[in-house]
PDB file of all heavy atoms in Angstrom:
ATOM      1  N   SER A   1      24.598 418.028 188.195  1.00  0.00           N
ATOM      2  CA  SER A   1      23.631 416.920 188.067  1.00  0.00           C
ATOM      3  C   SER A   1      22.805 417.056 186.768  1.00  0.00           C
ATOM      4  O   SER A   1      22.484 416.092 186.116  1.00  0.00           O
ATOM      5  CB  SER A   1      22.611 416.879 189.244  1.00  0.00           C
ATOM      6  OG  SER A   1      21.948 418.092 189.358  1.00  0.00           O
ATOM      7  N   TYR A   2      22.547 418.319 186.376  1.00  0.00           N
ATOM      8  CA  TYR A   2      21.875 418.559 185.088  1.00  0.00           C
ATOM      9  C   TYR A   2      22.657 417.976 183.923  1.00  0.00           C
ATOM     10  O   TYR A   2      22.154 417.301 183.096  1.00  0.00           O
ATOM     11  CB  TYR A   2      21.641 420.045 184.848  1.00  0.00           C
ATOM     12  CG  TYR A   2      20.609 420.695 185.732  1.00  0.00           C
ATOM     13  CD1 TYR A   2      20.943 421.517 186.743  1.00  0.00           C
ATOM     14  CD2 TYR A   2      19.239 420.465 185.480  1.00  0.00           C
ATOM     15  CE1 TYR A   2      19.951 422.140 187.546  1.00  0.00           C
ATOM     16  CE2 TYR A   2      18.275 421.069 186.220  1.00  0.00           C
ATOM     17  CZ  TYR A   2      18.630 421.876 187.269  1.00  0.00           C
ATOM     18  OH  TYR A   2      17.653 422.458 188.040  1.00  0.00           O
ATOM     19  N   ASP A   3      23.978 418.305 183.947  1.00  0.00           N
ATOM     20  CA  ASP A   3      24.853 417.821 182.846  1.00  0.00           C
ATOM     21  C   ASP A   3      24.969 416.321 182.877  1.00  0.00           C
ATOM     22  O   ASP A   3      24.994 415.675 181.833  1.00  0.00           O
ATOM     23  CB  ASP A   3      26.272 418.426 182.969  1.00  0.00           C
ATOM     24  CG  ASP A   3      26.260 419.924 182.715  1.00  0.00           C
ATOM     25  OD1 ASP A   3      25.269 420.431 182.210  1.00  0.00           O
ATOM     26  OD2 ASP A   3      27.280 420.591 183.028  1.00  0.00           O
ATOM     27  N   GLY A   4      25.100 415.716 184.066  1.00  0.00           N
ATOM     28  CA  GLY A   4      25.197 414.275 184.224  1.00  0.00           C
ATOM     29  C   GLY A   4      23.989 413.591 183.678  1.00  0.00           C
ATOM     30  O   GLY A   4      24.030 412.588 182.909  1.00  0.00           O
ATOM     31  N   ILE A   5      22.792 414.117 183.972  1.00  0.00           N
ATOM     32  CA  ILE A   5      21.487 413.550 183.552  1.00  0.00           C
ATOM     33  C   ILE A   5      21.359 413.730 182.017  1.00  0.00           C
ATOM     34  O   ILE A   5      20.992 412.849 181.312  1.00  0.00           O
ATOM     35  CB  ILE A   5      20.363 414.131 184.305  1.00  0.00           C
ATOM     36  CG1 ILE A   5      20.390 413.571 185.807  1.00  0.00           C
ATOM     37  CG2 ILE A   5      18.984 413.721 183.682  1.00  0.00           C
ATOM     38  CD1 ILE A   5      19.348 414.268 186.688  1.00  0.00           C
ATOM     39  N   PHE A   6      21.684 414.938 181.551  1.00  0.00           N
ATOM     40  CA  PHE A   6      21.609 415.163 180.091  1.00  0.00           C
ATOM     41  C   PHE A   6      22.463 414.258 179.298  1.00  0.00           C
ATOM     42  O   PHE A   6      22.094 413.675 178.303  1.00  0.00           O
ATOM     43  CB  PHE A   6      21.899 416.619 179.735  1.00  0.00           C
ATOM     44  CG  PHE A   6      21.945 416.877 178.241  1.00  0.00           C
ATOM     45  CD1 PHE A   6      20.745 417.004 177.588  1.00  0.00           C
ATOM     46  CD2 PHE A   6      23.098 416.903 177.552  1.00  0.00           C
ATOM     47  CE1 PHE A   6      20.690 417.139 176.181  1.00  0.00           C
ATOM     48  CE2 PHE A   6      23.110 417.068 176.173  1.00  0.00           C
ATOM     49  CZ  PHE A   6      21.898 417.203 175.490  1.00  0.00           C
ATOM     50  N   ASN A   7      23.716 414.103 179.730  1.00  0.00           N
ATOM     51  CA  ASN A   7      24.641 413.204 179.035  1.00  0.00           C
ATOM     52  C   ASN A   7      24.166 411.758 179.042  1.00  0.00           C
ATOM     53  O   ASN A   7      24.310 411.053 177.983  1.00  0.00           O
ATOM     54  CB  ASN A   7      26.034 413.342 179.610  1.00  0.00           C
ATOM     55  CG  ASN A   7      26.727 414.650 179.311  1.00  0.00           C
ATOM     56  OD1 ASN A   7      26.416 415.258 178.254  1.00  0.00           O
ATOM     57  ND2 ASN A   7      27.532 415.170 180.253  1.00  0.00           N
ATOM     58  N   ALA A   8      23.554 411.266 180.090  1.00  0.00           N
ATOM     59  CA  ALA A   8      22.992 409.961 180.140  1.00  0.00           C
ATOM     60  C   ALA A   8      21.804 409.837 179.260  1.00  0.00           C
ATOM     61  O   ALA A   8      21.646 408.856 178.525  1.00  0.00           O
ATOM     62  CB  ALA A   8      22.656 409.581 181.550  1.00  0.00           C
ATOM     63  N   GLN A   9      20.938 410.883 179.212  1.00  0.00           N
ATOM     64  CA  GLN A   9      19.811 410.899 178.302  1.00  0.00           C
ATOM     65  C   GLN A   9      20.275 410.884 176.836  1.00  0.00           C
ATOM     66  O   GLN A   9      19.652 410.188 175.996  1.00  0.00           O
ATOM     67  CB  GLN A   9      18.958 412.117 178.570  1.00  0.00           C
ATOM     68  CG  GLN A   9      18.188 412.063 179.863  1.00  0.00           C
ATOM     69  CD  GLN A   9      17.267 413.260 180.065  1.00  0.00           C
ATOM     70  OE1 GLN A   9      16.331 413.187 180.832  1.00  0.00           O
ATOM     71  NE2 GLN A   9      17.545 414.361 179.447  1.00  0.00           N
ATOM     72  N   LYS A  10      21.313 411.591 176.569  1.00  0.00           N
ATOM     73  CA  LYS A  10      21.885 411.651 175.222  1.00  0.00           C
ATOM     74  C   LYS A  10      22.278 410.215 174.757  1.00  0.00           C
ATOM     75  O   LYS A  10      21.960 409.788 173.638  1.00  0.00           O
ATOM     76  CB  LYS A  10      23.008 412.587 175.174  1.00  0.00           C
ATOM     77  CG  LYS A  10      23.579 412.820 173.772  1.00  0.00           C
ATOM     78  CD  LYS A  10      24.656 413.915 173.797  1.00  0.00           C
ATOM     79  CE  LYS A  10      25.233 414.081 172.445  1.00  0.00           C
ATOM     80  NZ  LYS A  10      26.293 415.179 172.431  1.00  0.00           N
ATOM     81  N   GLU A  11      22.935 409.520 175.634  1.00  0.00           N
ATOM     82  CA  GLU A  11      23.399 408.150 175.347  1.00  0.00           C
ATOM     83  C   GLU A  11      22.206 407.251 175.033  1.00  0.00           C
ATOM     84  O   GLU A  11      22.211 406.442 174.131  1.00  0.00           O
ATOM     85  CB  GLU A  11      24.180 407.571 176.518  1.00  0.00           C
ATOM     86  CG  GLU A  11      25.597 408.005 176.572  1.00  0.00           C
ATOM     87  CD  GLU A  11      26.365 407.249 177.673  1.00  0.00           C
ATOM     88  OE1 GLU A  11      26.359 406.004 177.649  1.00  0.00           O
ATOM     89  OE2 GLU A  11      26.918 407.915 178.562  1.00  0.00           O
ATOM     90  N   VAL A  12      21.150 407.406 175.881  1.00  0.00           N
ATOM     91  CA  VAL A  12      19.940 406.562 175.746  1.00  0.00           C
ATOM     92  C   VAL A  12      19.242 406.871 174.412  1.00  0.00           C
ATOM     93  O   VAL A  12      18.849 405.970 173.676  1.00  0.00           O
ATOM     94  CB  VAL A  12      19.006 406.793 176.928  1.00  0.00           C
ATOM     95  CG1 VAL A  12      17.670 406.045 176.683  1.00  0.00           C
ATOM     96  CG2 VAL A  12      19.589 406.258 178.234  1.00  0.00           C
ATOM     97  N   VAL A  13      19.127 408.175 174.096  1.00  0.00           N
ATOM     98  CA  VAL A  13      18.487 408.565 172.835  1.00  0.00           C
ATOM     99  C   VAL A  13      19.210 407.886 171.602  1.00  0.00           C
ATOM    100  O   VAL A  13      18.593 407.348 170.719  1.00  0.00           O
ATOM    101  CB  VAL A  13      18.501 410.114 172.638  1.00  0.00           C
ATOM    102  CG1 VAL A  13      18.176 410.485 171.206  1.00  0.00           C
ATOM    103  CG2 VAL A  13      17.471 410.755 173.637  1.00  0.00           C
ATOM    104  N   LEU A  14      20.528 407.989 171.590  1.00  0.00           N
ATOM    105  CA  LEU A  14      21.311 407.423 170.485  1.00  0.00           C
ATOM    106  C   LEU A  14      21.201 405.929 170.449  1.00  0.00           C
ATOM    107  O   LEU A  14      21.170 405.304 169.384  1.00  0.00           O
ATOM    108  CB  LEU A  14      22.807 407.901 170.632  1.00  0.00           C
ATOM    109  CG  LEU A  14      22.948 409.407 170.370  1.00  0.00           C
ATOM    110  CD1 LEU A  14      24.404 409.823 170.722  1.00  0.00           C
ATOM    111  CD2 LEU A  14      22.573 409.838 168.987  1.00  0.00           C
ATOM    112  N   GLU A  15      21.189 405.256 171.598  1.00  0.00           N
ATOM    113  CA  GLU A  15      21.073 403.819 171.640  1.00  0.00           C
ATOM    114  C   GLU A  15      19.695 403.358 171.126  1.00  0.00           C
ATOM    115  O   GLU A  15      19.580 402.399 170.381  1.00  0.00           O
ATOM    116  CB  GLU A  15      21.283 403.281 173.076  1.00  0.00           C
ATOM    117  CG  GLU A  15      22.697 403.274 173.511  1.00  0.00           C
ATOM    118  CD  GLU A  15      22.861 402.744 174.925  1.00  0.00           C
ATOM    119  OE1 GLU A  15      21.912 402.207 175.508  1.00  0.00           O
ATOM    120  OE2 GLU A  15      23.995 402.884 175.484  1.00  0.00           O
ATOM    121  N   LEU A  16      18.629 404.057 171.522  1.00  0.00           N
ATOM    122  CA  LEU A  16      17.314 403.722 171.119  1.00  0.00           C
ATOM    123  C   LEU A  16      17.168 403.920 169.583  1.00  0.00           C
ATOM    124  O   LEU A  16      16.531 403.117 168.867  1.00  0.00           O
ATOM    125  CB  LEU A  16      16.239 404.602 171.821  1.00  0.00           C
ATOM    126  CG  LEU A  16      16.130 404.322 173.299  1.00  0.00           C
ATOM    127  CD1 LEU A  16      15.075 405.318 173.951  1.00  0.00           C
ATOM    128  CD2 LEU A  16      15.661 402.899 173.603  1.00  0.00           C
ATOM    129  N   ALA A  17      17.799 404.968 169.062  1.00  0.00           N
ATOM    130  CA  ALA A  17      17.789 405.246 167.629  1.00  0.00           C
ATOM    131  C   ALA A  17      18.431 404.098 166.839  1.00  0.00           C
ATOM    132  O   ALA A  17      18.043 403.792 165.727  1.00  0.00           O
ATOM    133  CB  ALA A  17      18.465 406.566 167.322  1.00  0.00           C
ATOM    134  N   GLU A  18      19.491 403.513 167.419  1.00  0.00           N
ATOM    135  CA  GLU A  18      20.161 402.441 166.744  1.00  0.00           C
ATOM    136  C   GLU A  18      19.316 401.177 166.617  1.00  0.00           C
ATOM    137  O   GLU A  18      19.526 400.376 165.716  1.00  0.00           O
ATOM    138  CB  GLU A  18      21.479 402.086 167.534  1.00  0.00           C
ATOM    139  CG  GLU A  18      22.617 403.060 167.257  1.00  0.00           C
ATOM    140  CD  GLU A  18      23.904 402.636 168.004  1.00  0.00           C
ATOM    141  OE1 GLU A  18      23.950 401.502 168.438  1.00  0.00           O
ATOM    142  OE2 GLU A  18      24.788 403.471 168.100  1.00  0.00           O
ATOM    143  N   LYS A  19      18.412 401.011 167.554  1.00  0.00           N
ATOM    144  CA  LYS A  19      17.586 399.829 167.598  1.00  0.00           C
ATOM    145  C   LYS A  19      16.522 399.796 166.480  1.00  0.00           C
ATOM    146  O   LYS A  19      16.032 398.737 166.151  1.00  0.00           O
ATOM    147  CB  LYS A  19      16.867 399.706 168.944  1.00  0.00           C
ATOM    148  CG  LYS A  19      17.759 399.367 170.080  1.00  0.00           C
ATOM    149  CD  LYS A  19      16.957 399.222 171.392  1.00  0.00           C
ATOM    150  CE  LYS A  19      17.849 398.897 172.566  1.00  0.00           C
ATOM    151  NZ  LYS A  19      17.066 398.733 173.783  1.00  0.00           N
ATOM    152  N   GLY A  20      16.212 401.001 165.969  1.00  0.00           N
ATOM    153  CA  GLY A  20      15.207 401.050 164.879  1.00  0.00           C
ATOM    154  C   GLY A  20      14.070 402.053 165.158  1.00  0.00           C
ATOM    155  O   GLY A  20      14.216 402.865 166.092  1.00  0.00           O
ATOM    156  N   PRO A  21      13.003 401.940 164.397  1.00  0.00           N
ATOM    157  CA  PRO A  21      11.900 402.942 164.545  1.00  0.00           C
ATOM    158  C   PRO A  21      11.381 403.031 165.954  1.00  0.00           C
ATOM    159  O   PRO A  21      11.142 402.030 166.589  1.00  0.00           O
ATOM    160  CB  PRO A  21      10.831 402.397 163.591  1.00  0.00           C
ATOM    161  CG  PRO A  21      11.572 401.464 162.631  1.00  0.00           C
ATOM    162  CD  PRO A  21      12.671 400.899 163.385  1.00  0.00           C
ATOM    163  N   CYS A  22      11.228 404.247 166.431  1.00  0.00           N
ATOM    164  CA  CYS A  22      10.624 404.496 167.792  1.00  0.00           C
ATOM    165  C   CYS A  22      10.162 405.904 167.878  1.00  0.00           C
ATOM    166  O   CYS A  22      10.397 406.721 166.969  1.00  0.00           O
ATOM    167  CB  CYS A  22      11.653 404.131 168.846  1.00  0.00           C
ATOM    168  SG  CYS A  22      13.110 405.181 168.853  1.00  0.00           S
ATOM    169  N   ILE A  23       9.519 406.207 168.967  1.00  0.00           N
ATOM    170  CA  ILE A  23       8.997 407.574 169.248  1.00  0.00           C
ATOM    171  C   ILE A  23       9.662 408.006 170.570  1.00  0.00           C
ATOM    172  O   ILE A  23       9.538 407.246 171.572  1.00  0.00           O
ATOM    173  CB  ILE A  23       7.512 407.600 169.282  1.00  0.00           C
ATOM    174  CG1 ILE A  23       6.896 407.156 167.959  1.00  0.00           C
ATOM    175  CG2 ILE A  23       6.987 409.018 169.699  1.00  0.00           C
ATOM    176  CD1 ILE A  23       5.413 406.818 168.016  1.00  0.00           C
ATOM    177  N   ILE A  24      10.281 409.184 170.555  1.00  0.00           N
ATOM    178  CA  ILE A  24      10.859 409.693 171.790  1.00  0.00           C
ATOM    179  C   ILE A  24      10.243 411.097 172.055  1.00  0.00           C
ATOM    180  O   ILE A  24      10.259 411.960 171.154  1.00  0.00           O
ATOM    181  CB  ILE A  24      12.343 409.791 171.698  1.00  0.00           C
ATOM    182  CG1 ILE A  24      12.987 408.428 171.413  1.00  0.00           C
ATOM    183  CG2 ILE A  24      12.953 410.412 172.962  1.00  0.00           C
ATOM    184  CD1 ILE A  24      14.477 408.492 171.118  1.00  0.00           C
ATOM    185  N   VAL A  25       9.720 411.273 173.211  1.00  0.00           N
ATOM    186  CA  VAL A  25       9.075 412.521 173.633  1.00  0.00           C
ATOM    187  C   VAL A  25      10.090 413.388 174.379  1.00  0.00           C
ATOM    188  O   VAL A  25      10.672 412.937 175.413  1.00  0.00           O
ATOM    189  CB  VAL A  25       7.822 412.351 174.450  1.00  0.00           C
ATOM    190  CG1 VAL A  25       7.231 413.681 174.896  1.00  0.00           C
ATOM    191  CG2 VAL A  25       6.755 411.630 173.579  1.00  0.00           C
ATOM    192  N   GLY A  26      10.292 414.630 173.986  1.00  0.00           N
ATOM    193  CA  GLY A  26      11.169 415.558 174.693  1.00  0.00           C
ATOM    194  C   GLY A  26      12.589 415.188 174.736  1.00  0.00           C
ATOM    195  O   GLY A  26      13.161 414.598 173.787  1.00  0.00           O
ATOM    196  N   ARG A  27      13.240 415.500 175.831  1.00  0.00           N
ATOM    197  CA  ARG A  27      14.663 415.151 176.177  1.00  0.00           C
ATOM    198  C   ARG A  27      15.664 415.722 175.205  1.00  0.00           C
ATOM    199  O   ARG A  27      16.782 415.222 175.075  1.00  0.00           O
ATOM    200  CB  ARG A  27      14.857 413.605 176.222  1.00  0.00           C
ATOM    201  CG  ARG A  27      13.714 412.898 176.979  1.00  0.00           C
ATOM    202  CD  ARG A  27      13.774 413.225 178.445  1.00  0.00           C
ATOM    203  NE  ARG A  27      12.662 412.522 179.171  1.00  0.00           N
ATOM    204  CZ  ARG A  27      12.503 412.620 180.457  1.00  0.00           C
ATOM    205  NH1 ARG A  27      13.275 413.271 181.240  1.00  0.00           N
ATOM    206  NH2 ARG A  27      11.448 411.979 181.033  1.00  0.00           N
ATOM    207  N   CYS A  28      15.243 416.743 174.475  1.00  0.00           N
ATOM    208  CA  CYS A  28      16.090 417.382 173.418  1.00  0.00           C
ATOM    209  C   CYS A  28      16.520 416.348 172.332  1.00  0.00           C
ATOM    210  O   CYS A  28      17.479 416.505 171.650  1.00  0.00           O
ATOM    211  CB  CYS A  28      17.375 417.937 174.029  1.00  0.00           C
ATOM    212  SG  CYS A  28      17.105 419.211 175.270  1.00  0.00           S
ATOM    213  N   ALA A  29      15.717 415.292 172.191  1.00  0.00           N
ATOM    214  CA  ALA A  29      16.054 414.192 171.295  1.00  0.00           C
ATOM    215  C   ALA A  29      16.070 414.698 169.857  1.00  0.00           C
ATOM    216  O   ALA A  29      16.874 414.195 169.039  1.00  0.00           O
ATOM    217  CB  ALA A  29      14.999 413.097 171.425  1.00  0.00           C
ATOM    218  N   ASP A  30      15.225 415.652 169.521  1.00  0.00           N
ATOM    219  CA  ASP A  30      15.278 416.207 168.157  1.00  0.00           C
ATOM    220  C   ASP A  30      16.590 416.753 167.801  1.00  0.00           C
ATOM    221  O   ASP A  30      17.138 416.440 166.712  1.00  0.00           O
ATOM    222  CB  ASP A  30      14.118 417.278 168.002  1.00  0.00           C
ATOM    223  CG  ASP A  30      14.320 418.442 169.028  1.00  0.00           C
ATOM    224  OD1 ASP A  30      14.518 418.127 170.232  1.00  0.00           O
ATOM    225  OD2 ASP A  30      14.235 419.577 168.657  1.00  0.00           O
ATOM    226  N   ASP A  31      17.211 417.523 168.679  1.00  0.00           N
ATOM    227  CA  ASP A  31      18.491 418.124 168.384  1.00  0.00           C
ATOM    228  C   ASP A  31      19.648 417.095 168.534  1.00  0.00           C
ATOM    229  O   ASP A  31      20.569 417.183 167.696  1.00  0.00           O
ATOM    230  CB  ASP A  31      18.744 419.301 169.461  1.00  0.00           C
ATOM    231  CG  ASP A  31      19.955 420.174 169.030  1.00  0.00           C
ATOM    232  OD1 ASP A  31      19.835 420.871 168.035  1.00  0.00           O
ATOM    233  OD2 ASP A  31      20.952 420.066 169.695  1.00  0.00           O
ATOM    234  N   ILE A  32      19.574 416.273 169.483  1.00  0.00           N
ATOM    235  CA  ILE A  32      20.576 415.201 169.680  1.00  0.00           C
ATOM    236  C   ILE A  32      20.740 414.403 168.393  1.00  0.00           C
ATOM    237  O   ILE A  32      21.875 414.141 167.941  1.00  0.00           O
ATOM    238  CB  ILE A  32      20.248 414.294 170.905  1.00  0.00           C
ATOM    239  CG1 ILE A  32      20.446 415.083 172.210  1.00  0.00           C
ATOM    240  CG2 ILE A  32      21.111 413.023 170.881  1.00  0.00           C
ATOM    241  CD1 ILE A  32      19.824 414.350 173.420  1.00  0.00           C
ATOM    242  N   LEU A  33      19.606 413.940 167.865  1.00  0.00           N
ATOM    243  CA  LEU A  33      19.658 413.075 166.663  1.00  0.00           C
ATOM    244  C   LEU A  33      20.090 413.847 165.425  1.00  0.00           C
ATOM    245  O   LEU A  33      20.807 413.337 164.562  1.00  0.00           O
ATOM    246  CB  LEU A  33      18.303 412.432 166.469  1.00  0.00           C
ATOM    247  CG  LEU A  33      17.919 411.425 167.572  1.00  0.00           C
ATOM    248  CD1 LEU A  33      16.509 410.969 167.417  1.00  0.00           C
ATOM    249  CD2 LEU A  33      18.840 410.225 167.579  1.00  0.00           C
ATOM    250  N   THR A  34      19.653 415.106 165.318  1.00  0.00           N
ATOM    251  CA  THR A  34      20.065 415.967 164.228  1.00  0.00           C
ATOM    252  C   THR A  34      21.539 416.140 164.193  1.00  0.00           C
ATOM    253  O   THR A  34      22.262 416.003 163.185  1.00  0.00           O
ATOM    254  CB  THR A  34      19.324 417.275 164.252  1.00  0.00           C
ATOM    255  OG1 THR A  34      17.935 417.088 164.143  1.00  0.00           O
ATOM    256  CG2 THR A  34      19.791 418.188 163.074  1.00  0.00           C
ATOM    257  N   GLU A  35      22.071 416.443 165.422  1.00  0.00           N
ATOM    258  CA  GLU A  35      23.551 416.655 165.566  1.00  0.00           C
ATOM    259  C   GLU A  35      24.355 415.396 165.235  1.00  0.00           C
ATOM    260  O   GLU A  35      25.469 415.448 164.737  1.00  0.00           O
ATOM    261  CB  GLU A  35      23.874 417.135 166.984  1.00  0.00           C
ATOM    262  CG  GLU A  35      23.448 418.595 167.281  1.00  0.00           C
ATOM    263  CD  GLU A  35      24.136 419.616 166.375  1.00  0.00           C
ATOM    264  OE1 GLU A  35      25.398 419.560 166.272  1.00  0.00           O
ATOM    265  OE2 GLU A  35      23.443 420.431 165.767  1.00  0.00           O
ATOM    266  N   ALA A  36      23.744 414.236 165.539  1.00  0.00           N
ATOM    267  CA  ALA A  36      24.429 412.979 165.269  1.00  0.00           C
ATOM    268  C   ALA A  36      24.203 412.475 163.869  1.00  0.00           C
ATOM    269  O   ALA A  36      24.651 411.351 163.512  1.00  0.00           O
ATOM    270  CB  ALA A  36      23.924 411.902 166.288  1.00  0.00           C
ATOM    271  N   ASP A  37      23.471 413.261 163.081  1.00  0.00           N
ATOM    272  CA  ASP A  37      23.205 412.894 161.691  1.00  0.00           C
ATOM    273  C   ASP A  37      22.391 411.652 161.532  1.00  0.00           C
ATOM    274  O   ASP A  37      22.583 410.821 160.649  1.00  0.00           O
ATOM    275  CB  ASP A  37      24.511 412.811 160.882  1.00  0.00           C
ATOM    276  CG  ASP A  37      24.284 413.052 159.397  1.00  0.00           C
ATOM    277  OD1 ASP A  37      23.297 413.733 159.047  1.00  0.00           O
ATOM    278  OD2 ASP A  37      25.054 412.537 158.563  1.00  0.00           O
ATOM    279  N   VAL A  38      21.468 411.417 162.474  1.00  0.00           N
ATOM    280  CA  VAL A  38      20.578 410.307 162.455  1.00  0.00           C
ATOM    281  C   VAL A  38      19.275 410.728 161.791  1.00  0.00           C
ATOM    282  O   VAL A  38      18.716 411.764 162.148  1.00  0.00           O
ATOM    283  CB  VAL A  38      20.277 409.780 163.877  1.00  0.00           C
ATOM    284  CG1 VAL A  38      19.205 408.656 163.869  1.00  0.00           C
ATOM    285  CG2 VAL A  38      21.526 409.324 164.553  1.00  0.00           C
ATOM    286  N   PRO A  39      18.750 409.963 160.828  1.00  0.00           N
ATOM    287  CA  PRO A  39      17.496 410.351 160.170  1.00  0.00           C
ATOM    288  C   PRO A  39      16.316 410.448 161.234  1.00  0.00           C
ATOM    289  O   PRO A  39      16.130 409.499 161.983  1.00  0.00           O
ATOM    290  CB  PRO A  39      17.215 409.169 159.203  1.00  0.00           C
ATOM    291  CG  PRO A  39      18.568 408.657 158.889  1.00  0.00           C
ATOM    292  CD  PRO A  39      19.342 408.766 160.198  1.00  0.00           C
ATOM    293  N   VAL A  40      15.699 411.595 161.291  1.00  0.00           N
ATOM    294  CA  VAL A  40      14.707 411.827 162.325  1.00  0.00           C
ATOM    295  C   VAL A  40      13.567 412.690 161.746  1.00  0.00           C
ATOM    296  O   VAL A  40      13.819 413.589 160.902  1.00  0.00           O
ATOM    297  CB  VAL A  40      15.327 412.445 163.538  1.00  0.00           C
ATOM    298  CG1 VAL A  40      16.000 413.754 163.196  1.00  0.00           C
ATOM    299  CG2 VAL A  40      14.324 412.672 164.655  1.00  0.00           C
ATOM    300  N   PHE A  41      12.349 412.416 162.194  1.00  0.00           N
ATOM    301  CA  PHE A  41      11.252 413.299 161.811  1.00  0.00           C
ATOM    302  C   PHE A  41      10.803 414.030 163.095  1.00  0.00           C
ATOM    303  O   PHE A  41      10.421 413.363 164.063  1.00  0.00           O
ATOM    304  CB  PHE A  41      10.048 412.477 161.253  1.00  0.00           C
ATOM    305  CG  PHE A  41       8.995 413.324 160.638  1.00  0.00           C
ATOM    306  CD1 PHE A  41       9.076 413.730 159.311  1.00  0.00           C
ATOM    307  CD2 PHE A  41       7.903 413.740 161.392  1.00  0.00           C
ATOM    308  CE1 PHE A  41       8.073 414.557 158.779  1.00  0.00           C
ATOM    309  CE2 PHE A  41       6.892 414.525 160.857  1.00  0.00           C
ATOM    310  CZ  PHE A  41       7.023 414.943 159.552  1.00  0.00           C
ATOM    311  N   LYS A  42      10.818 415.304 163.046  1.00  0.00           N
ATOM    312  CA  LYS A  42      10.665 416.131 164.232  1.00  0.00           C
ATOM    313  C   LYS A  42       9.307 416.826 164.305  1.00  0.00           C
ATOM    314  O   LYS A  42       8.991 417.622 163.399  1.00  0.00           O
ATOM    315  CB  LYS A  42      11.780 417.194 164.379  1.00  0.00           C
ATOM    316  CG  LYS A  42      13.165 416.519 164.438  1.00  0.00           C
ATOM    317  CD  LYS A  42      14.315 417.492 164.412  1.00  0.00           C
ATOM    318  CE  LYS A  42      14.512 417.992 162.990  1.00  0.00           C
ATOM    319  NZ  LYS A  42      15.697 418.881 162.843  1.00  0.00           N
ATOM    320  N   VAL A  43       8.530 416.462 165.339  1.00  0.00           N
ATOM    321  CA  VAL A  43       7.193 417.011 165.498  1.00  0.00           C
ATOM    322  C   VAL A  43       7.197 418.001 166.691  1.00  0.00           C
ATOM    323  O   VAL A  43       7.826 417.723 167.670  1.00  0.00           O
ATOM    324  CB  VAL A  43       6.248 415.855 165.794  1.00  0.00           C
ATOM    325  CG1 VAL A  43       4.742 416.413 166.026  1.00  0.00           C
ATOM    326  CG2 VAL A  43       6.166 414.808 164.683  1.00  0.00           C
ATOM    327  N   PHE A  44       6.462 419.078 166.548  1.00  0.00           N
ATOM    328  CA  PHE A  44       6.243 419.964 167.712  1.00  0.00           C
ATOM    329  C   PHE A  44       4.729 420.175 167.924  1.00  0.00           C
ATOM    330  O   PHE A  44       3.958 420.412 166.961  1.00  0.00           O
ATOM    331  CB  PHE A  44       6.870 421.335 167.477  1.00  0.00           C
ATOM    332  CG  PHE A  44       6.733 422.244 168.674  1.00  0.00           C
ATOM    333  CD1 PHE A  44       7.637 422.074 169.767  1.00  0.00           C
ATOM    334  CD2 PHE A  44       5.742 423.223 168.738  1.00  0.00           C
ATOM    335  CE1 PHE A  44       7.478 422.873 170.874  1.00  0.00           C
ATOM    336  CE2 PHE A  44       5.650 424.039 169.908  1.00  0.00           C
ATOM    337  CZ  PHE A  44       6.478 423.818 170.972  1.00  0.00           C
ATOM    338  N   LEU A  45       4.280 419.950 169.144  1.00  0.00           N
ATOM    339  CA  LEU A  45       2.897 420.066 169.493  1.00  0.00           C
ATOM    340  C   LEU A  45       2.662 421.275 170.384  1.00  0.00           C
ATOM    341  O   LEU A  45       3.447 421.525 171.342  1.00  0.00           O
ATOM    342  CB  LEU A  45       2.373 418.805 170.228  1.00  0.00           C
ATOM    343  CG  LEU A  45       2.554 417.461 169.458  1.00  0.00           C
ATOM    344  CD1 LEU A  45       2.118 416.313 170.300  1.00  0.00           C
ATOM    345  CD2 LEU A  45       1.781 417.520 168.114  1.00  0.00           C
TER     346      LEU A  45
END
């Protein structure tokens, strides 16, 4: 279930990135977008 949820989250992250500027909290989005070569600004708090 972890893998199923992660893979679905990955799809959502990439779809949201295609739509344009947005902010995504957590979900390994920083790494997902970096691996997909999507321009991203990564913040850690």
